[in-house]
Amino acid sequence: MIRTGIHFEAVRLPADLVHGLAATVADEAVSRQSVERAFHGAGIHGAVIADPARRWYYALVPPGTAEAWADPGFECLGRDHYLGVPAAHRAEPPGTHWLLSPPEGEDDLCDVDAVRRLMDARCEGRRG
């Protein structure tokens, strides 16, 4: 477990939301590739953890994001939270693994606006 808020924070995304978007984007059954395409389509190319047992995805974002986070329904884990982070080589299930490559530094973290685009795309789909 790594404490968030120091090197990164994490936006917790429900798997059902991400899978719904992946099915819409790919117009096919949800697969790892369709989930990756959904993230890529929002501009997210790395620093995403998949936790299939708990049915969450975690987009790692820069420290300080939680202080200004105001998106109801999507928690940003800032200071005083801990996150199970898989070893850098764990890119496949079973268990928690990297869906998109682990960051090597702060420049490799997810862009907060890209994470919001992913959330907005799915929320728009639910309304429409």
N, C-alpha and C. Protein backbone atom coordinates (compact mmCIF):
# COMPACT_ATOMS: atom_id res chain seq x y z
N MET A 1 0.85 -1.18 0.00
CA MET A 1 0.00 0.00 0.00
C MET A 1 0.90 1.24 0.00
N ILE A 2 0.51 2.19 -0.82
CA ILE A 2 1.25 3.44 -0.90
C ILE A 2 0.31 4.57 -0.52
N ARG A 3 0.83 5.48 0.28
CA ARG A 3 0.04 6.64 0.70
C ARG A 3 -0.10 7.60 -0.48
N THR A 4 -1.33 7.99 -0.75
CA THR A 4 -1.58 8.96 -1.81
C THR A 4 -1.35 10.37 -1.28
N GLY A 5 -1.20 11.31 -2.21
CA GLY A 5 -1.03 12.69 -1.83
C GLY A 5 0.41 13.13 -1.80
N ILE A 6 1.35 12.21 -1.96
CA ILE A 6 2.76 12.57 -1.94
C ILE A 6 3.31 12.61 -3.36
N HIS A 7 3.34 11.45 -4.01
CA HIS A 7 3.84 11.37 -5.39
C HIS A 7 2.71 11.41 -6.41
N PHE A 8 1.53 11.04 -5.98
CA PHE A 8 0.35 11.02 -6.86
C PHE A 8 -0.90 10.97 -6.01
N GLU A 9 -2.04 11.21 -6.64
CA GLU A 9 -3.34 10.96 -6.06
C GLU A 9 -4.08 10.08 -7.06
N ALA A 10 -5.26 9.62 -6.72
CA ALA A 10 -5.95 8.68 -7.60
C ALA A 10 -7.43 8.98 -7.68
N VAL A 11 -7.95 9.07 -8.89
CA VAL A 11 -9.39 9.19 -9.10
C VAL A 11 -9.93 7.78 -9.26
N ARG A 12 -10.87 7.44 -8.39
CA ARG A 12 -11.45 6.09 -8.40
C ARG A 12 -12.66 6.08 -9.32
N LEU A 13 -12.59 5.22 -10.33
CA LEU A 13 -13.65 5.11 -11.35
C LEU A 13 -14.32 3.75 -11.27
N PRO A 14 -15.64 3.71 -11.13
CA PRO A 14 -16.34 2.42 -11.08
C PRO A 14 -16.17 1.64 -12.39
N ALA A 15 -15.89 0.36 -12.27
CA ALA A 15 -15.70 -0.48 -13.45
C ALA A 15 -16.95 -0.46 -14.33
N ASP A 16 -18.14 -0.45 -13.73
CA ASP A 16 -19.36 -0.44 -14.53
C ASP A 16 -19.42 0.78 -15.45
N LEU A 17 -19.00 1.93 -14.94
CA LEU A 17 -19.00 3.14 -15.75
C LEU A 17 -18.00 3.00 -16.90
N VAL A 18 -16.79 2.58 -16.59
CA VAL A 18 -15.75 2.45 -17.62
C VAL A 18 -16.15 1.39 -18.64
N HIS A 19 -16.69 0.27 -18.20
CA HIS A 19 -17.08 -0.80 -19.12
C HIS A 19 -18.24 -0.35 -19.99
N GLY A 20 -19.16 0.43 -19.44
CA GLY A 20 -20.26 0.96 -20.24
C GLY A 20 -19.75 1.85 -21.36
N LEU A 21 -18.78 2.69 -21.03
CA LEU A 21 -18.19 3.55 -22.05
C LEU A 21 -17.43 2.73 -23.07
N ALA A 22 -16.69 1.73 -22.60
CA ALA A 22 -15.91 0.88 -23.51
C ALA A 22 -16.83 0.17 -24.50
N ALA A 23 -17.98 -0.30 -24.04
CA ALA A 23 -18.92 -0.98 -24.93
C ALA A 23 -19.49 0.00 -25.95
N THR A 24 -19.74 1.23 -25.53
CA THR A 24 -20.27 2.26 -26.42
C THR A 24 -19.24 2.67 -27.47
N VAL A 25 -18.02 2.90 -27.02
CA VAL A 25 -16.95 3.34 -27.92
C VAL A 25 -16.61 2.26 -28.94
N ALA A 26 -16.50 1.04 -28.47
CA ALA A 26 -16.07 -0.05 -29.35
C ALA A 26 -17.23 -0.72 -30.07
N ASP A 27 -18.45 -0.49 -29.58
CA ASP A 27 -19.63 -1.15 -30.14
C ASP A 27 -19.42 -2.66 -30.21
N GLU A 28 -18.91 -3.19 -29.10
CA GLU A 28 -18.63 -4.62 -29.01
C GLU A 28 -18.66 -5.03 -27.54
N ALA A 29 -18.50 -6.30 -27.28
CA ALA A 29 -18.41 -6.77 -25.90
C ALA A 29 -17.18 -6.14 -25.25
N VAL A 30 -17.27 -5.91 -23.95
CA VAL A 30 -16.18 -5.28 -23.23
C VAL A 30 -14.99 -6.23 -23.15
N SER A 31 -13.85 -5.73 -23.55
CA SER A 31 -12.60 -6.48 -23.47
C SER A 31 -11.52 -5.52 -22.96
N ARG A 32 -10.39 -6.05 -22.64
CA ARG A 32 -9.28 -5.19 -22.21
C ARG A 32 -8.98 -4.14 -23.28
N GLN A 33 -8.98 -4.57 -24.53
CA GLN A 33 -8.68 -3.65 -25.63
C GLN A 33 -9.71 -2.53 -25.73
N SER A 34 -10.99 -2.86 -25.55
CA SER A 34 -12.01 -1.82 -25.64
C SER A 34 -11.93 -0.85 -24.46
N VAL A 35 -11.56 -1.35 -23.29
CA VAL A 35 -11.38 -0.48 -22.12
C VAL A 35 -10.18 0.44 -22.37
N GLU A 36 -9.09 -0.11 -22.89
CA GLU A 36 -7.92 0.72 -23.20
C GLU A 36 -8.28 1.80 -24.23
N ARG A 37 -9.07 1.43 -25.24
CA ARG A 37 -9.48 2.42 -26.25
C ARG A 37 -10.32 3.53 -25.63
N ALA A 38 -11.17 3.18 -24.66
CA ALA A 38 -11.98 4.21 -23.99
C ALA A 38 -11.08 5.20 -23.26
N PHE A 39 -10.08 4.70 -22.55
CA PHE A 39 -9.14 5.60 -21.87
C PHE A 39 -8.35 6.42 -22.88
N HIS A 40 -7.84 5.77 -23.92
CA HIS A 40 -7.06 6.49 -24.93
C HIS A 40 -7.91 7.56 -25.61
N GLY A 41 -9.17 7.25 -25.86
CA GLY A 41 -10.06 8.21 -26.51
C GLY A 41 -10.25 9.49 -25.70
N ALA A 42 -10.11 9.37 -24.39
CA ALA A 42 -10.22 10.55 -23.53
C ALA A 42 -8.88 11.27 -23.38
N GLY A 43 -7.81 10.66 -23.92
CA GLY A 43 -6.49 11.26 -23.81
C GLY A 43 -5.66 10.72 -22.66
N ILE A 44 -6.05 9.56 -22.13
CA ILE A 44 -5.33 8.92 -21.02
C ILE A 44 -4.53 7.77 -21.60
N HIS A 45 -3.21 7.84 -21.46
CA HIS A 45 -2.35 6.84 -22.09
C HIS A 45 -1.49 6.06 -21.10
N GLY A 46 -1.58 6.35 -19.84
CA GLY A 46 -0.78 5.64 -18.85
C GLY A 46 -1.28 5.91 -17.45
N ALA A 47 -0.66 5.23 -16.48
CA ALA A 47 -0.92 5.44 -15.06
C ALA A 47 -2.36 5.11 -14.65
N VAL A 48 -2.86 3.95 -15.12
CA VAL A 48 -4.19 3.48 -14.72
C VAL A 48 -4.06 2.07 -14.15
N ILE A 49 -4.59 1.91 -12.94
CA ILE A 49 -4.59 0.62 -12.25
C ILE A 49 -5.98 0.00 -12.36
N ALA A 50 -6.03 -1.30 -12.61
CA ALA A 50 -7.29 -2.05 -12.62
C ALA A 50 -7.33 -2.92 -11.36
N ASP A 51 -8.44 -2.86 -10.65
CA ASP A 51 -8.66 -3.71 -9.47
C ASP A 51 -9.93 -4.50 -9.73
N PRO A 52 -9.81 -5.64 -10.43
CA PRO A 52 -11.01 -6.38 -10.81
C PRO A 52 -11.79 -6.95 -9.63
N ALA A 53 -11.14 -7.28 -8.54
CA ALA A 53 -11.85 -7.85 -7.40
C ALA A 53 -12.82 -6.84 -6.79
N ARG A 54 -12.40 -5.59 -6.73
CA ARG A 54 -13.24 -4.55 -6.15
C ARG A 54 -14.02 -3.78 -7.22
N ARG A 55 -13.72 -4.06 -8.49
CA ARG A 55 -14.41 -3.46 -9.63
C ARG A 55 -14.20 -1.95 -9.71
N TRP A 56 -12.91 -1.55 -9.61
CA TRP A 56 -12.51 -0.15 -9.72
C TRP A 56 -11.37 -0.02 -10.70
N TYR A 57 -11.27 1.16 -11.29
CA TYR A 57 -10.08 1.60 -12.00
C TYR A 57 -9.59 2.84 -11.26
N TYR A 58 -8.29 3.00 -11.19
CA TYR A 58 -7.70 4.16 -10.54
C TYR A 58 -6.83 4.89 -11.55
N ALA A 59 -7.19 6.12 -11.85
CA ALA A 59 -6.38 6.97 -12.73
C ALA A 59 -5.49 7.80 -11.81
N LEU A 60 -4.18 7.60 -11.92
CA LEU A 60 -3.26 8.33 -11.06
C LEU A 60 -3.05 9.73 -11.61
N VAL A 61 -3.27 10.71 -10.75
CA VAL A 61 -3.21 12.13 -11.13
C VAL A 61 -2.19 12.84 -10.24
N PRO A 62 -1.79 14.06 -10.61
CA PRO A 62 -0.79 14.79 -9.83
C PRO A 62 -1.24 15.07 -8.40
N PRO A 63 -0.27 15.15 -7.48
CA PRO A 63 -0.59 15.53 -6.10
C PRO A 63 -1.24 16.91 -6.07
N GLY A 64 -2.19 17.07 -5.16
CA GLY A 64 -2.90 18.34 -5.04
C GLY A 64 -4.23 18.35 -5.76
N THR A 65 -4.49 17.35 -6.60
CA THR A 65 -5.74 17.29 -7.35
C THR A 65 -6.95 17.24 -6.42
N ALA A 66 -6.87 16.45 -5.35
CA ALA A 66 -8.02 16.27 -4.45
C ALA A 66 -8.46 17.58 -3.79
N GLU A 67 -7.53 18.49 -3.59
CA GLU A 67 -7.88 19.76 -2.93
C GLU A 67 -8.91 20.55 -3.73
N ALA A 68 -8.86 20.45 -5.04
CA ALA A 68 -9.78 21.20 -5.89
C ALA A 68 -10.84 20.30 -6.54
N TRP A 69 -10.87 19.04 -6.15
CA TRP A 69 -11.78 18.08 -6.79
C TRP A 69 -13.21 18.38 -6.37
N ALA A 70 -14.10 18.52 -7.33
CA ALA A 70 -15.50 18.84 -7.02
C ALA A 70 -16.44 18.04 -7.92
N ASP A 71 -16.06 16.82 -8.26
CA ASP A 71 -16.90 16.01 -9.14
C ASP A 71 -17.64 14.97 -8.31
N PRO A 72 -18.93 15.21 -8.02
CA PRO A 72 -19.68 14.27 -7.19
C PRO A 72 -19.77 12.90 -7.87
N GLY A 73 -19.67 11.88 -7.06
CA GLY A 73 -19.78 10.53 -7.58
C GLY A 73 -18.45 9.91 -7.97
N PHE A 74 -17.40 10.72 -8.01
CA PHE A 74 -16.07 10.23 -8.36
C PHE A 74 -15.10 10.73 -7.31
N GLU A 75 -14.61 9.84 -6.49
CA GLU A 75 -13.73 10.23 -5.40
C GLU A 75 -12.29 10.37 -5.89
N CYS A 76 -11.64 11.41 -5.43
CA CYS A 76 -10.21 11.58 -5.66
C CYS A 76 -9.52 11.31 -4.33
N LEU A 77 -8.69 10.28 -4.31
CA LEU A 77 -7.99 9.90 -3.10
C LEU A 77 -6.75 10.77 -2.94
N GLY A 78 -6.80 11.68 -1.98
CA GLY A 78 -5.68 12.57 -1.72
C GLY A 78 -4.94 12.13 -0.47
N ARG A 79 -4.51 13.10 0.29
CA ARG A 79 -3.77 12.81 1.52
C ARG A 79 -4.57 11.90 2.45
N ASP A 80 -3.85 11.12 3.22
CA ASP A 80 -4.44 10.23 4.23
C ASP A 80 -5.22 9.06 3.65
N HIS A 81 -5.00 8.74 2.39
CA HIS A 81 -5.54 7.52 1.80
C HIS A 81 -4.36 6.63 1.42
N TYR A 82 -4.65 5.36 1.29
CA TYR A 82 -3.64 4.40 0.87
C TYR A 82 -4.21 3.61 -0.30
N LEU A 83 -3.34 3.29 -1.25
CA LEU A 83 -3.77 2.58 -2.45
C LEU A 83 -2.84 1.40 -2.70
N GLY A 84 -3.43 0.26 -2.97
CA GLY A 84 -2.63 -0.91 -3.35
C GLY A 84 -2.13 -0.71 -4.77
N VAL A 85 -0.85 -0.56 -4.92
CA VAL A 85 -0.24 -0.32 -6.23
C VAL A 85 0.51 -1.57 -6.65
N PRO A 86 0.17 -2.13 -7.80
CA PRO A 86 0.86 -3.36 -8.24
C PRO A 86 2.31 -3.09 -8.63
N ALA A 87 3.10 -4.14 -8.61
CA ALA A 87 4.48 -4.03 -9.08
C ALA A 87 4.44 -3.59 -10.55
N ALA A 88 5.47 -2.90 -10.97
CA ALA A 88 5.51 -2.33 -12.33
C ALA A 88 5.33 -3.39 -13.41
N HIS A 89 5.73 -4.63 -13.16
CA HIS A 89 5.64 -5.68 -14.18
C HIS A 89 4.26 -6.35 -14.23
N ARG A 90 3.37 -6.06 -13.27
CA ARG A 90 2.05 -6.70 -13.25
C ARG A 90 1.10 -6.00 -14.22
N ALA A 91 1.02 -6.53 -15.43
CA ALA A 91 0.19 -5.92 -16.46
C ALA A 91 -0.99 -6.81 -16.85
N GLU A 92 -1.20 -7.90 -16.13
CA GLU A 92 -2.29 -8.83 -16.44
C GLU A 92 -2.93 -9.31 -15.15
N PRO A 93 -4.23 -9.67 -15.22
CA PRO A 93 -4.86 -10.32 -14.08
C PRO A 93 -4.28 -11.73 -13.92
N PRO A 94 -4.48 -12.42 -12.88
CA PRO A 94 -5.45 -12.10 -11.82
C PRO A 94 -4.89 -11.04 -10.88
N GLY A 95 -5.81 -10.45 -10.13
CA GLY A 95 -5.44 -9.46 -9.14
C GLY A 95 -5.26 -8.07 -9.72
N THR A 96 -4.91 -7.17 -8.84
CA THR A 96 -4.69 -5.78 -9.22
C THR A 96 -3.50 -5.71 -10.16
N HIS A 97 -3.65 -4.93 -11.23
CA HIS A 97 -2.60 -4.84 -12.24
C HIS A 97 -2.68 -3.49 -12.96
N TRP A 98 -1.67 -3.20 -13.73
CA TRP A 98 -1.64 -1.98 -14.53
C TRP A 98 -2.42 -2.20 -15.81
N LEU A 99 -3.51 -1.47 -16.00
CA LEU A 99 -4.23 -1.50 -17.27
C LEU A 99 -3.40 -0.73 -18.29
N LEU A 100 -2.95 0.45 -17.89
CA LEU A 100 -2.08 1.28 -18.72
C LEU A 100 -0.80 1.51 -17.94
N SER A 101 0.29 1.60 -18.61
CA SER A 101 1.64 1.57 -18.03
C SER A 101 1.82 2.41 -16.77
N PRO A 102 2.61 1.88 -15.84
CA PRO A 102 2.88 2.64 -14.61
C PRO A 102 3.71 3.88 -14.91
N PRO A 103 3.53 4.91 -14.11
CA PRO A 103 4.30 6.14 -14.35
C PRO A 103 5.75 5.98 -13.88
N GLU A 104 6.63 6.61 -14.61
CA GLU A 104 8.03 6.64 -14.18
C GLU A 104 8.32 7.94 -13.44
N GLY A 105 7.46 8.91 -13.57
CA GLY A 105 7.61 10.20 -12.89
C GLY A 105 6.31 10.97 -12.99
N GLU A 106 6.29 12.15 -12.41
CA GLU A 106 5.06 12.94 -12.38
C GLU A 106 4.55 13.30 -13.77
N ASP A 107 5.44 13.41 -14.74
CA ASP A 107 5.02 13.74 -16.11
C ASP A 107 4.20 12.61 -16.75
N ASP A 108 4.26 11.42 -16.19
CA ASP A 108 3.54 10.27 -16.73
C ASP A 108 2.17 10.07 -16.09
N LEU A 109 1.80 10.92 -15.16
CA LEU A 109 0.49 10.80 -14.51
C LEU A 109 -0.61 11.25 -15.47
N CYS A 110 -1.84 10.84 -15.17
CA CYS A 110 -2.98 11.20 -16.02
C CYS A 110 -3.27 12.69 -15.90
N ASP A 111 -3.63 13.28 -17.02
CA ASP A 111 -4.06 14.66 -17.05
C ASP A 111 -5.47 14.72 -16.45
N VAL A 112 -5.66 15.62 -15.50
CA VAL A 112 -6.95 15.71 -14.79
C VAL A 112 -8.08 16.02 -15.77
N ASP A 113 -7.84 16.89 -16.74
CA ASP A 113 -8.89 17.20 -17.72
C ASP A 113 -9.25 15.98 -18.55
N ALA A 114 -8.29 15.13 -18.85
CA ALA A 114 -8.57 13.90 -19.60
C ALA A 114 -9.43 12.95 -18.76
N VAL A 115 -9.15 12.87 -17.48
CA VAL A 115 -9.98 12.02 -16.59
C VAL A 115 -11.41 12.56 -16.56
N ARG A 116 -11.54 13.86 -16.50
CA ARG A 116 -12.89 14.45 -16.51
C ARG A 116 -13.60 14.18 -17.84
N ARG A 117 -12.86 14.22 -18.94
CA ARG A 117 -13.47 13.91 -20.26
C ARG A 117 -14.01 12.48 -20.26
N LEU A 118 -13.26 11.56 -19.69
CA LEU A 118 -13.71 10.16 -19.62
C LEU A 118 -14.99 10.08 -18.79
N MET A 119 -15.02 10.74 -17.65
CA MET A 119 -16.20 10.71 -16.79
C MET A 119 -17.39 11.37 -17.48
N ASP A 120 -17.15 12.51 -18.11
CA ASP A 120 -18.22 13.23 -18.79
C ASP A 120 -18.79 12.43 -19.95
N ALA A 121 -17.93 11.74 -20.69
CA ALA A 121 -18.39 10.95 -21.83
C ALA A 121 -19.37 9.87 -21.37
N ARG A 122 -19.07 9.21 -20.29
CA ARG A 122 -19.95 8.15 -19.81
C ARG A 122 -21.23 8.73 -19.22
N CYS A 123 -21.09 9.80 -18.46
CA CYS A 123 -22.28 10.41 -17.85
C CYS A 123 -23.22 10.93 -18.92
N GLU A 124 -22.68 11.48 -20.01
CA GLU A 124 -23.50 11.94 -21.13
C GLU A 124 -24.24 10.76 -21.75
N GLY A 125 -23.57 9.63 -21.87
CA GLY A 125 -24.19 8.44 -22.45
C GLY A 125 -25.33 7.94 -21.59
N ARG A 126 -25.22 8.08 -20.28
CA ARG A 126 -26.29 7.65 -19.38
C ARG A 126 -27.51 8.55 -19.49
N ARG A 127 -27.27 9.84 -19.80
CA ARG A 127 -28.39 10.78 -19.91
C ARG A 127 -29.11 10.64 -21.24
N GLY A 128 -28.33 10.25 -22.28
CA GLY A 128 -28.87 10.26 -23.63
C GLY A 128 -29.58 9.05 -24.02
